Amino acid sequence: MRAVISAHTEANFITVVDALLPRIRVKEQFLKEVSPMRGRKLLILCISNIPVSVNPLYAQSRAMQEVASASGIVLLSPENRPIRHAHVELLMSSTGWAVGALTDNDGEFKFTGLMPASYHLTVTAPACEKLEDTLVGDGGGNTLFLHLHRTQQTVTPRGDPVVSVQELQMGGKAESAFAKGTRMLQQGDSQGSLDYFRRALARDPHYYRAYHNLGLANYQLGNTEQAKGNFQKSIELSNGGYAPSQFGLAMVLCEKRDFREAEKLIQNGLALEPGSAIGKYLLAVVQFAMNRPTEAEKSARDALSRNAHQAEAYILLAKIHERNHNPHAVVAEVATYLKLDPHGPLENEASKLLQRARQEIDGERVVASH
């Protein structure tokens, strides 16, 4: 991991990403979000921002202490075929909390443990128009039937999730290699994962998620140019509709100090998945690197509202407070980080921030005593 660089001067805002990006590089949650397996949160798969008119899904809310659930099937119209790996997201507008899941091989999804509330429902899949609706969770168990339509301007590639049962069976070997590579990547064996992602792509050259995870592996290994090409290929194959690759390419551009283009990519990804904590955090890093600390603070807090365990966001907030000469706030943010990730990649930076903040507080006490 690169050396951690403090941000004392205006020039150092450009280099702050060296301290804050390595954490994303090895973050288990980010890997889970792009794997075919269900994780704590799954990044969105979307190909179009064109809304589809459907009948609203309403139900009567119950008492807040009760627990709601939602389940359903995503189908491709007009054939009514199940869509594998479509992304279904629920966003609670009142709090900004979001949860997502990928459909299984039968096009099915299920959410449990939801608060009875009004949710913004978004369903997306590559080469399909985005479906948006309102869902009021009431604890009931009715199955939702959600229909997606193909985008007129694209042809569905063989590796996309709009597939028949026969096509699903044909893609099994590619899926198996992809899943094994992803597990190795999650376990820290980036070098070993490369071969499995390449095998998956040899069996299915349109497998954009394999290109994405290959990009992550190359990024972890420091193969920046290869990672850039992998992310770009994933974006190309998904017609710009796979948010994780937008974020991945943005990380590469941050290393190249191309913050303006990185910000555009991050904003594109967030348009696809507004509930992404990682997307909001990356946006905050870029904004801080571009000397826009007020916007950076808002984006960092947005990230934490989506995932309170996004530990590195607290270090970024501490850096913002340090710039604003608020040492007590620095101490508070660092304490939260160390509680969440006491031996994480930013532990040394946390210690340095804490030391400088305490020195500043001691200095204020000396001045006050005189």
Protein backbone atom coordinates (compact mmCIF):
# COMPACT_ATOMS: atom_id res chain seq x y z
CA MET A 1 0.00 0.00 0.00
CA ARG A 2 1.23 3.49 -0.78
CA ALA A 3 2.53 5.81 1.89
CA VAL A 4 -0.16 7.86 3.58
CA ILE A 5 0.10 11.56 2.77
CA SER A 6 -1.33 14.28 4.98
CA ALA A 7 -3.23 17.27 3.63
CA HIS A 8 -1.75 20.35 5.28
CA THR A 9 -1.43 22.54 2.19
CA GLU A 10 -3.55 23.30 -0.87
CA ALA A 11 -1.19 21.24 -3.04
CA ASN A 12 -1.69 18.20 -0.86
CA PHE A 13 -5.38 18.05 -1.72
CA ILE A 14 -4.27 16.49 -4.99
CA THR A 15 -2.31 13.72 -3.27
CA VAL A 16 -4.88 12.86 -0.60
CA VAL A 17 -6.30 10.12 -2.81
CA ASP A 18 -3.10 8.14 -2.26
CA ALA A 19 -4.13 7.78 1.37
CA LEU A 20 -7.81 7.12 0.82
CA LEU A 21 -8.03 4.88 -2.27
CA PRO A 22 -6.00 1.85 -1.09
CA ARG A 23 -8.75 1.04 1.41
CA ILE A 24 -11.23 0.61 -1.44
CA ARG A 25 -8.66 -1.53 -3.20
CA VAL A 26 -8.98 -4.33 -0.65
CA LYS A 27 -12.44 -3.67 0.73
CA GLU A 28 -14.30 -6.97 1.08
CA GLN A 29 -17.68 -5.28 0.69
CA PHE A 30 -16.71 -3.88 -2.72
CA LEU A 31 -15.75 -7.34 -3.90
CA LYS A 32 -19.00 -8.81 -2.60
CA GLU A 33 -20.95 -6.16 -4.41
CA VAL A 34 -19.59 -7.29 -7.76
CA SER A 35 -19.74 -11.04 -7.21
CA PRO A 36 -22.60 -13.26 -8.31
CA MET A 37 -23.23 -14.19 -4.70
CA ARG A 38 -25.50 -12.27 -2.36
CA GLY A 39 -23.58 -9.84 -0.16
CA ARG A 40 -24.41 -7.11 2.31
CA LYS A 41 -25.19 -4.83 -0.60
CA LEU A 42 -25.19 -5.31 -4.35
CA LEU A 43 -24.34 -2.65 -6.86
CA ILE A 44 -26.86 -1.86 -9.55
CA LEU A 45 -27.01 -3.33 -13.06
CA CYS A 46 -28.72 -0.93 -15.43
CA ILE A 47 -28.62 -0.11 -19.13
CA SER A 48 -31.05 2.76 -19.52
CA ASN A 49 -32.58 5.63 -17.60
CA ILE A 50 -35.81 5.35 -19.60
CA PRO A 51 -38.69 4.86 -17.14
CA VAL A 52 -41.40 2.30 -17.83
CA SER A 53 -45.00 3.11 -17.00
CA VAL A 54 -46.49 0.48 -14.71
CA ASN A 55 -49.30 0.35 -12.21
CA PRO A 56 -48.06 1.52 -8.76
CA LEU A 57 -47.65 -1.15 -6.12
CA TYR A 58 -49.37 0.03 -2.98
CA ALA A 59 -50.17 -1.71 0.28
CA GLN A 60 -51.43 -0.51 3.64
CA SER A 61 -48.68 0.24 6.20
CA ARG A 62 -48.82 -1.38 9.61
CA ALA A 63 -47.38 -0.32 12.93
CA MET A 64 -43.70 0.69 12.75
CA GLN A 65 -42.62 -2.02 15.14
CA GLU A 66 -43.71 -4.75 12.73
CA VAL A 67 -41.38 -6.20 10.10
CA ALA A 68 -42.21 -6.17 6.41
CA SER A 69 -40.96 -8.31 3.54
CA ALA A 70 -41.02 -8.10 -0.24
CA SER A 71 -40.52 -10.80 -2.84
CA GLY A 72 -41.17 -11.22 -6.52
CA ILE A 73 -40.09 -12.31 -9.97
CA VAL A 74 -38.48 -10.18 -12.69
CA LEU A 75 -39.59 -11.15 -16.20
CA LEU A 76 -38.59 -10.12 -19.70
CA SER A 77 -41.53 -8.90 -21.78
CA PRO A 78 -43.19 -9.94 -23.98
CA GLU A 79 -41.84 -13.50 -23.61
CA ASN A 80 -42.31 -13.52 -19.81
CA ARG A 81 -38.92 -15.22 -19.36
CA PRO A 82 -37.22 -14.92 -15.94
CA ILE A 83 -34.27 -12.52 -15.92
CA ARG A 84 -31.22 -13.83 -14.10
CA HIS A 85 -29.08 -11.30 -12.18
CA ALA A 86 -31.45 -8.38 -12.62
CA HIS A 87 -30.85 -5.83 -9.87
CA VAL A 88 -33.71 -4.92 -7.56
CA GLU A 89 -33.22 -2.01 -5.18
CA LEU A 90 -35.42 -0.52 -2.48
CA LEU A 91 -34.65 3.03 -1.34
CA MET A 92 -36.35 4.50 1.73
CA SER A 93 -36.69 8.11 0.62
CA SER A 94 -37.24 9.43 4.14
CA THR A 95 -33.83 8.23 5.39
CA GLY A 96 -31.74 7.46 2.29
CA TRP A 97 -31.32 3.84 3.43
CA ALA A 98 -31.17 1.36 0.57
CA VAL A 99 -30.96 -2.37 0.07
CA GLY A 100 -30.43 -4.33 -3.12
CA ALA A 101 -30.35 -7.90 -4.40
CA LEU A 102 -29.74 -9.79 -7.62
CA THR A 103 -32.38 -12.17 -8.93
CA ASP A 104 -31.53 -15.86 -9.00
CA ASN A 105 -31.65 -18.19 -11.99
CA ASP A 106 -35.45 -18.23 -11.78
CA GLY A 107 -35.66 -14.44 -11.77
CA GLU A 108 -36.71 -14.41 -8.12
CA PHE A 109 -35.72 -12.05 -5.30
CA LYS A 110 -36.70 -11.57 -1.68
CA PHE A 111 -36.15 -8.93 1.00
CA THR A 112 -36.87 -9.62 4.66
CA GLY A 113 -36.59 -7.57 7.83
CA LEU A 114 -37.82 -4.37 6.17
CA MET A 115 -39.37 -1.53 8.13
CA PRO A 116 -43.00 -0.93 7.11
CA ALA A 117 -42.52 2.23 5.04
CA SER A 118 -42.73 3.69 1.56
CA TYR A 119 -39.87 2.62 -0.73
CA HIS A 120 -38.71 3.72 -4.16
CA LEU A 121 -38.42 0.51 -6.19
CA THR A 122 -35.89 0.28 -9.02
CA VAL A 123 -35.38 -2.76 -11.24
CA THR A 124 -32.62 -2.84 -13.85
CA ALA A 125 -30.78 -5.26 -16.10
CA PRO A 126 -28.34 -4.73 -18.98
CA ALA A 127 -30.02 -4.15 -22.36
CA CYS A 128 -33.33 -3.44 -20.58
CA GLU A 129 -35.21 -0.29 -19.76
CA LYS A 130 -35.20 0.69 -16.11
CA LEU A 131 -38.40 0.11 -14.14
CA GLU A 132 -39.22 2.47 -11.29
CA ASP A 133 -42.21 2.38 -8.97
CA THR A 134 -43.37 2.98 -5.42
CA LEU A 135 -43.73 0.13 -2.95
CA VAL A 136 -45.31 0.45 0.47
CA GLY A 137 -44.10 -2.41 2.67
CA ASP A 138 -46.82 -3.76 4.94
CA GLY A 139 -45.46 -7.08 6.10
CA GLY A 140 -47.51 -9.01 3.55
CA GLY A 141 -46.21 -11.88 1.48
CA ASN A 142 -47.70 -11.16 -1.93
CA THR A 143 -45.45 -11.96 -4.89
CA LEU A 144 -44.65 -9.04 -7.21
CA PHE A 145 -44.42 -9.66 -10.94
CA LEU A 146 -42.11 -7.05 -12.45
CA HIS A 147 -41.74 -6.80 -16.24
CA LEU A 148 -38.75 -5.28 -18.03
CA HIS A 149 -38.60 -4.38 -21.72
CA ARG A 150 -35.58 -4.48 -24.00
CA THR A 151 -34.02 -1.20 -25.02
CA GLN A 152 -34.64 -0.62 -28.70
CA GLN A 153 -31.16 0.64 -29.42
CA THR A 154 -29.27 -2.43 -28.21
CA VAL A 155 -29.00 -6.09 -28.95
CA THR A 156 -28.65 -8.34 -25.93
CA PRO A 157 -25.20 -9.97 -25.93
CA ARG A 158 -24.95 -13.64 -25.06
CA GLY A 159 -23.40 -12.96 -21.65
CA ASP A 160 -26.21 -10.68 -20.41
CA PRO A 161 -28.86 -11.92 -17.99
CA VAL A 162 -31.72 -12.02 -20.52
CA VAL A 163 -31.32 -15.72 -21.25
CA SER A 164 -33.26 -18.92 -21.82
CA VAL A 165 -32.88 -22.07 -19.74
CA GLN A 166 -30.62 -23.53 -22.45
CA GLU A 167 -28.43 -20.42 -22.43
CA LEU A 168 -28.18 -20.59 -18.66
CA GLN A 169 -26.90 -24.15 -18.91
CA MET A 170 -24.38 -23.15 -21.61
CA GLY A 171 -23.00 -20.40 -19.37
CA GLY A 172 -22.42 -22.72 -16.39
CA LYS A 173 -18.69 -23.22 -16.94
CA ALA A 174 -18.09 -19.49 -17.27
CA GLU A 175 -20.09 -18.88 -14.09
CA SER A 176 -18.12 -21.53 -12.21
CA ALA A 177 -14.75 -20.04 -13.21
CA PHE A 178 -16.02 -16.54 -12.38
CA ALA A 179 -17.28 -17.61 -8.95
CA LYS A 180 -13.98 -19.31 -8.07
CA GLY A 181 -11.96 -16.29 -9.20
CA THR A 182 -14.17 -14.00 -7.15
CA ARG A 183 -13.71 -16.12 -4.03
CA MET A 184 -9.94 -15.97 -4.49
CA LEU A 185 -10.11 -12.21 -4.94
CA GLN A 186 -12.13 -11.87 -1.73
CA GLN A 187 -9.53 -13.98 0.09
CA GLY A 188 -6.71 -11.71 -1.10
CA ASP A 189 -5.27 -13.95 -3.82
CA SER A 190 -5.46 -11.41 -6.64
CA GLN A 191 -2.74 -13.10 -8.71
CA GLY A 192 -4.40 -16.49 -8.50
CA SER A 193 -7.80 -15.08 -9.46
CA LEU A 194 -6.57 -13.75 -12.81
CA ASP A 195 -6.50 -17.15 -14.49
CA TYR A 196 -10.09 -17.94 -13.51
CA PHE A 197 -11.45 -14.66 -14.81
CA ARG A 198 -9.58 -15.25 -18.07
CA ARG A 199 -11.08 -18.75 -18.29
CA ALA A 200 -14.55 -17.29 -17.79
CA LEU A 201 -13.94 -14.79 -20.57
CA ALA A 202 -12.56 -17.47 -22.89
CA ARG A 203 -15.88 -19.30 -22.49
CA ASP A 204 -17.98 -16.15 -22.69
CA PRO A 205 -16.26 -13.08 -24.20
CA HIS A 206 -19.33 -10.95 -23.43
CA TYR A 207 -19.09 -11.57 -19.68
CA TYR A 208 -18.79 -7.96 -18.49
CA ARG A 209 -18.74 -8.88 -14.79
CA ALA A 210 -15.71 -11.09 -15.41
CA TYR A 211 -13.97 -8.15 -17.08
CA HIS A 212 -14.86 -6.02 -14.07
CA ASN A 213 -13.45 -8.44 -11.50
CA LEU A 214 -10.39 -8.96 -13.70
CA GLY A 215 -9.98 -5.19 -13.52
CA LEU A 216 -10.19 -5.27 -9.73
CA ALA A 217 -7.56 -7.99 -9.54
CA ASN A 218 -5.21 -6.08 -11.83
CA TYR A 219 -5.83 -2.89 -9.86
CA GLN A 220 -4.89 -4.63 -6.61
CA LEU A 221 -1.71 -5.94 -8.24
CA GLY A 222 -0.75 -2.47 -9.43
CA ASN A 223 -1.40 -3.27 -13.10
CA THR A 224 -3.13 0.04 -13.65
CA GLU A 225 -3.23 0.08 -17.44
CA GLN A 226 -4.61 -3.46 -17.61
CA ALA A 227 -7.21 -2.58 -14.99
CA LYS A 228 -8.21 0.49 -16.96
CA GLY A 229 -8.72 -1.60 -20.10
CA ASN A 230 -10.72 -4.22 -18.18
CA PHE A 231 -13.07 -1.64 -16.68
CA GLN A 232 -13.51 0.06 -20.05
CA LYS A 233 -14.37 -3.28 -21.68
CA SER A 234 -16.94 -4.01 -18.97
CA ILE A 235 -18.50 -0.59 -19.54
CA GLU A 236 -18.55 -1.21 -23.28
CA LEU A 237 -20.17 -4.65 -23.02
CA SER A 238 -22.83 -3.43 -20.58
CA ASN A 239 -23.49 -0.33 -22.68
CA GLY A 240 -22.41 1.89 -19.80
CA GLY A 241 -24.90 0.30 -17.47
CA TYR A 242 -22.74 -1.43 -14.84
CA ALA A 243 -22.08 0.99 -11.98
CA PRO A 244 -19.16 -0.92 -10.36
CA SER A 245 -17.09 -0.52 -13.52
CA GLN A 246 -17.84 3.19 -13.60
CA PHE A 247 -16.47 3.40 -10.05
CA GLY A 248 -13.50 1.16 -10.88
CA LEU A 249 -12.44 3.24 -13.87
CA ALA A 250 -12.85 6.36 -11.74
CA MET A 251 -10.33 4.95 -9.23
CA VAL A 252 -7.81 4.45 -12.04
CA LEU A 253 -8.34 8.01 -13.26
CA CYS A 254 -7.85 9.30 -9.71
CA GLU A 255 -4.40 7.72 -9.67
CA LYS A 256 -3.69 9.53 -12.93
CA ARG A 257 -4.89 12.78 -11.31
CA ASP A 258 -7.70 13.10 -13.86
CA PHE A 259 -10.22 14.08 -11.21
CA ARG A 260 -12.71 15.78 -13.52
CA GLU A 261 -13.24 12.69 -15.65
CA ALA A 262 -13.28 10.54 -12.53
CA GLU A 263 -16.04 12.68 -11.08
CA LYS A 264 -18.11 12.28 -14.25
CA LEU A 265 -17.80 8.49 -14.05
CA ILE A 266 -18.73 8.45 -10.37
CA GLN A 267 -21.77 10.62 -11.03
CA ASN A 268 -22.78 8.24 -13.85
CA GLY A 269 -22.49 5.32 -11.46
CA LEU A 270 -24.52 7.08 -8.80
CA ALA A 271 -27.23 7.85 -11.37
CA LEU A 272 -27.44 4.08 -11.87
CA GLU A 273 -27.23 3.29 -8.17
CA PRO A 274 -28.13 6.25 -5.95
CA GLY A 275 -27.94 4.07 -2.85
CA SER A 276 -24.25 3.18 -3.25
CA ALA A 277 -22.18 4.05 -0.19
CA ILE A 278 -18.93 3.34 -2.05
CA GLY A 279 -19.99 5.63 -4.89
CA LYS A 280 -20.67 8.46 -2.47
CA TYR A 281 -17.37 7.88 -0.71
CA LEU A 282 -15.41 7.95 -3.97
CA LEU A 283 -17.22 11.16 -4.89
CA ALA A 284 -16.16 12.66 -1.56
CA VAL A 285 -12.52 11.67 -2.16
CA VAL A 286 -12.52 13.32 -5.59
CA GLN A 287 -14.21 16.46 -4.30
CA PHE A 288 -11.67 16.76 -1.49
CA ALA A 289 -8.79 16.21 -3.92
CA MET A 290 -10.23 19.07 -6.02
CA ASN A 291 -10.25 21.36 -2.96
CA ARG A 292 -14.03 21.33 -2.49
CA PRO A 293 -14.18 20.30 1.18
CA THR A 294 -17.76 21.42 1.81
CA GLU A 295 -19.08 19.19 -0.97
CA ALA A 296 -16.72 16.43 0.14
CA GLU A 297 -18.10 16.51 3.67
CA LYS A 298 -21.67 16.25 2.41
CA SER A 299 -20.82 13.31 0.14
CA ALA A 300 -18.94 11.54 2.94
CA ARG A 301 -21.92 11.90 5.25
CA ASP A 302 -24.18 10.67 2.46
CA ALA A 303 -21.96 7.58 2.24
CA LEU A 304 -22.28 7.01 5.98
CA SER A 305 -26.05 7.43 5.85
CA ARG A 306 -26.08 4.54 3.38
CA ASN A 307 -23.54 2.45 5.29
CA ALA A 308 -22.47 3.53 8.77
CA HIS A 309 -19.61 1.00 8.63
CA GLN A 310 -17.88 2.74 5.70
CA ALA A 311 -14.95 3.28 8.03
CA GLU A 312 -12.61 5.19 5.70
CA ALA A 313 -15.24 7.94 5.35
CA TYR A 314 -14.49 8.91 8.95
CA ILE A 315 -10.82 9.45 8.08
CA LEU A 316 -11.82 11.69 5.19
CA LEU A 317 -14.11 13.66 7.52
CA ALA A 318 -11.23 13.96 10.00
CA LYS A 319 -9.03 15.41 7.24
CA ILE A 320 -11.74 17.95 6.41
CA HIS A 321 -12.01 18.94 10.08
CA GLU A 322 -8.22 19.22 10.26
CA ARG A 323 -8.25 21.67 7.37
CA ASN A 324 -10.93 23.67 9.15
CA HIS A 325 -8.86 23.71 12.38
CA ASN A 326 -11.42 21.75 14.37
CA PRO A 327 -9.22 19.33 16.35
CA HIS A 328 -12.00 18.12 18.66
CA ALA A 329 -14.02 16.97 15.63
CA VAL A 330 -10.89 15.26 14.26
CA VAL A 331 -10.53 13.29 17.50
CA ALA A 332 -14.18 12.22 17.36
CA GLU A 333 -14.01 11.04 13.73
CA VAL A 334 -10.75 9.15 14.27
CA ALA A 335 -12.16 7.46 17.38
CA THR A 336 -15.09 6.21 15.33
CA TYR A 337 -12.79 4.90 12.61
CA LEU A 338 -10.59 3.04 15.11
CA LYS A 339 -13.66 1.51 16.72
CA LEU A 340 -14.86 0.18 13.34
CA ASP A 341 -11.47 -0.82 11.88
CA PRO A 342 -8.76 -0.66 14.58
CA HIS A 343 -6.09 -2.40 12.49
CA GLY A 344 -7.19 -1.35 9.02
CA PRO A 345 -5.08 0.04 6.17
CA LEU A 346 -5.61 3.63 7.39
CA GLU A 347 -4.53 2.91 10.97
CA ASN A 348 -1.27 4.86 10.59
CA GLU A 349 -3.02 7.84 9.08
CA ALA A 350 -5.56 7.73 11.91
CA SER A 351 -2.72 7.82 14.46
CA LYS A 352 -1.08 10.80 12.74
CA LEU A 353 -4.35 12.71 12.59
CA LEU A 354 -4.97 12.01 16.26
CA GLN A 355 -1.47 13.13 17.22
CA ARG A 356 -1.74 16.40 15.31
CA ALA A 357 -5.22 17.08 16.70
CA ARG A 358 -4.04 16.57 20.30
CA GLN A 359 -1.07 18.86 19.71
CA GLU A 360 -3.45 21.53 18.42
CA ILE A 361 -5.75 21.09 21.41
CA ASP A 362 -2.75 21.37 23.80
CA GLY A 363 -1.69 24.52 22.00
CA GLU A 364 -5.14 26.03 22.43
CA ARG A 365 -5.00 25.28 26.15
CA VAL A 366 -1.62 27.00 26.50
CA VAL A 367 -2.91 30.10 24.72
CA ALA A 368 -6.06 30.12 26.85
CA SER A 369 -4.03 29.87 30.07
CA HIS A 370 -2.19 33.06 29.17
